[in-house]
Amino acid sequence: MRILLIRHGDPDYVNDTLTEKGRREAALLAKRAASMNMGGML
């Protein structure tokens, strides 16, 4: 069993969204996660 701890992207608390950096971080994480064969999530 693997346990992955994933932190959210860089937040923009004032506008309740992500900063540009946070959006880049999230996109890179999504790309990497797609190649990790994590199996189905229930």
N, C-alpha and C. Protein backbone atom coordinates (compact mmCIF):
# COMPACT_ATOMS: atom_id res chain seq x y z
N MET A 1 0.84 -1.17 0.00
CA MET A 1 0.00 0.00 0.00
C MET A 1 0.89 1.24 0.00
N ARG A 2 0.49 2.22 -0.82
CA ARG A 2 1.17 3.51 -0.83
C ARG A 2 0.23 4.57 -0.31
N ILE A 3 0.76 5.48 0.46
CA ILE A 3 -0.01 6.64 0.91
C ILE A 3 0.67 7.87 0.33
N LEU A 4 -0.10 8.64 -0.40
CA LEU A 4 0.42 9.85 -1.01
C LEU A 4 -0.15 11.07 -0.30
N LEU A 5 0.71 11.96 0.12
CA LEU A 5 0.28 13.22 0.70
C LEU A 5 0.48 14.28 -0.37
N ILE A 6 -0.60 14.94 -0.75
CA ILE A 6 -0.53 15.93 -1.81
C ILE A 6 -1.04 17.25 -1.26
N ARG A 7 -0.23 18.27 -1.39
CA ARG A 7 -0.59 19.59 -0.92
C ARG A 7 -1.26 20.36 -2.05
N HIS A 8 -2.17 21.21 -1.70
CA HIS A 8 -2.85 22.04 -2.70
C HIS A 8 -1.85 23.00 -3.36
N GLY A 9 -2.24 23.56 -4.49
CA GLY A 9 -1.42 24.56 -5.16
C GLY A 9 -1.40 25.86 -4.38
N ASP A 10 -0.54 26.76 -4.77
CA ASP A 10 -0.36 28.05 -4.11
C ASP A 10 -1.69 28.82 -4.09
N PRO A 11 -2.24 29.13 -2.90
CA PRO A 11 -3.57 29.73 -2.83
C PRO A 11 -3.56 31.26 -2.93
N ASP A 12 -4.67 31.76 -3.40
CA ASP A 12 -4.99 33.19 -3.37
C ASP A 12 -6.19 33.30 -2.44
N TYR A 13 -5.94 33.54 -1.17
CA TYR A 13 -7.01 33.52 -0.17
C TYR A 13 -8.02 34.65 -0.37
N VAL A 14 -7.57 35.78 -0.85
CA VAL A 14 -8.46 36.93 -1.03
C VAL A 14 -9.56 36.61 -2.03
N ASN A 15 -9.19 35.95 -3.15
CA ASN A 15 -10.16 35.64 -4.20
C ASN A 15 -10.65 34.19 -4.16
N ASP A 16 -10.26 33.44 -3.12
CA ASP A 16 -10.67 32.05 -2.93
C ASP A 16 -10.43 31.21 -4.19
N THR A 17 -9.19 31.27 -4.67
CA THR A 17 -8.80 30.53 -5.87
C THR A 17 -7.31 30.21 -5.78
N LEU A 18 -6.71 29.80 -6.87
CA LEU A 18 -5.27 29.58 -6.93
C LEU A 18 -4.59 30.73 -7.64
N THR A 19 -3.33 30.97 -7.29
CA THR A 19 -2.52 31.94 -8.02
C THR A 19 -2.09 31.31 -9.34
N GLU A 20 -1.47 32.07 -10.20
CA GLU A 20 -0.93 31.51 -11.45
C GLU A 20 0.04 30.38 -11.13
N LYS A 21 0.89 30.60 -10.12
CA LYS A 21 1.83 29.55 -9.70
C LYS A 21 1.07 28.30 -9.25
N GLY A 22 0.00 28.50 -8.49
CA GLY A 22 -0.82 27.39 -8.02
C GLY A 22 -1.45 26.61 -9.16
N ARG A 23 -1.90 27.31 -10.19
CA ARG A 23 -2.47 26.63 -11.36
C ARG A 23 -1.40 25.82 -12.09
N ARG A 24 -0.19 26.35 -12.19
CA ARG A 24 0.90 25.59 -12.81
C ARG A 24 1.23 24.36 -11.98
N GLU A 25 1.28 24.53 -10.65
CA GLU A 25 1.56 23.39 -9.77
C GLU A 25 0.50 22.30 -9.93
N ALA A 26 -0.77 22.69 -9.96
CA ALA A 26 -1.86 21.73 -10.09
C ALA A 26 -1.79 21.00 -11.43
N ALA A 27 -1.48 21.73 -12.50
CA ALA A 27 -1.38 21.11 -13.82
C ALA A 27 -0.23 20.11 -13.87
N LEU A 28 0.91 20.47 -13.28
CA LEU A 28 2.05 19.55 -13.26
C LEU A 28 1.74 18.31 -12.43
N LEU A 29 1.06 18.50 -11.31
CA LEU A 29 0.68 17.36 -10.47
C LEU A 29 -0.27 16.43 -11.22
N ALA A 30 -1.25 16.99 -11.92
CA ALA A 30 -2.19 16.18 -12.67
C ALA A 30 -1.48 15.36 -13.74
N LYS A 31 -0.52 15.98 -14.41
CA LYS A 31 0.24 15.27 -15.45
C LYS A 31 1.05 14.12 -14.84
N ARG A 32 1.69 14.39 -13.72
CA ARG A 32 2.49 13.35 -13.08
C ARG A 32 1.61 12.25 -12.49
N ALA A 33 0.50 12.61 -11.88
CA ALA A 33 -0.39 11.63 -11.27
C ALA A 33 -0.96 10.68 -12.31
N ALA A 34 -1.20 11.19 -13.52
CA ALA A 34 -1.76 10.35 -14.58
C ALA A 34 -0.83 9.19 -14.93
N SER A 35 0.47 9.38 -14.74
CA SER A 35 1.44 8.34 -15.08
C SER A 35 1.77 7.42 -13.91
N MET A 36 1.15 7.64 -12.74
CA MET A 36 1.51 6.87 -11.55
C MET A 36 0.70 5.60 -11.35
N ASN A 37 -0.29 5.34 -12.22
CA ASN A 37 -1.09 4.11 -12.10
C ASN A 37 -1.60 3.91 -10.68
N MET A 38 -2.38 4.86 -10.19
CA MET A 38 -2.88 4.80 -8.82
C MET A 38 -4.10 3.91 -8.67
N GLY A 39 -4.65 3.41 -9.74
CA GLY A 39 -5.81 2.55 -9.64
C GLY A 39 -7.07 3.34 -9.48
N GLY A 40 -8.18 2.64 -9.38
CA GLY A 40 -9.48 3.29 -9.27
C GLY A 40 -9.70 3.86 -7.88
N MET A 41 -10.34 4.99 -7.83
CA MET A 41 -10.70 5.61 -6.55
C MET A 41 -12.17 5.33 -6.29
N LEU A 42 -12.50 4.93 -5.09
CA LEU A 42 -13.89 4.66 -4.74
C LEU A 42 -14.51 5.86 -4.06
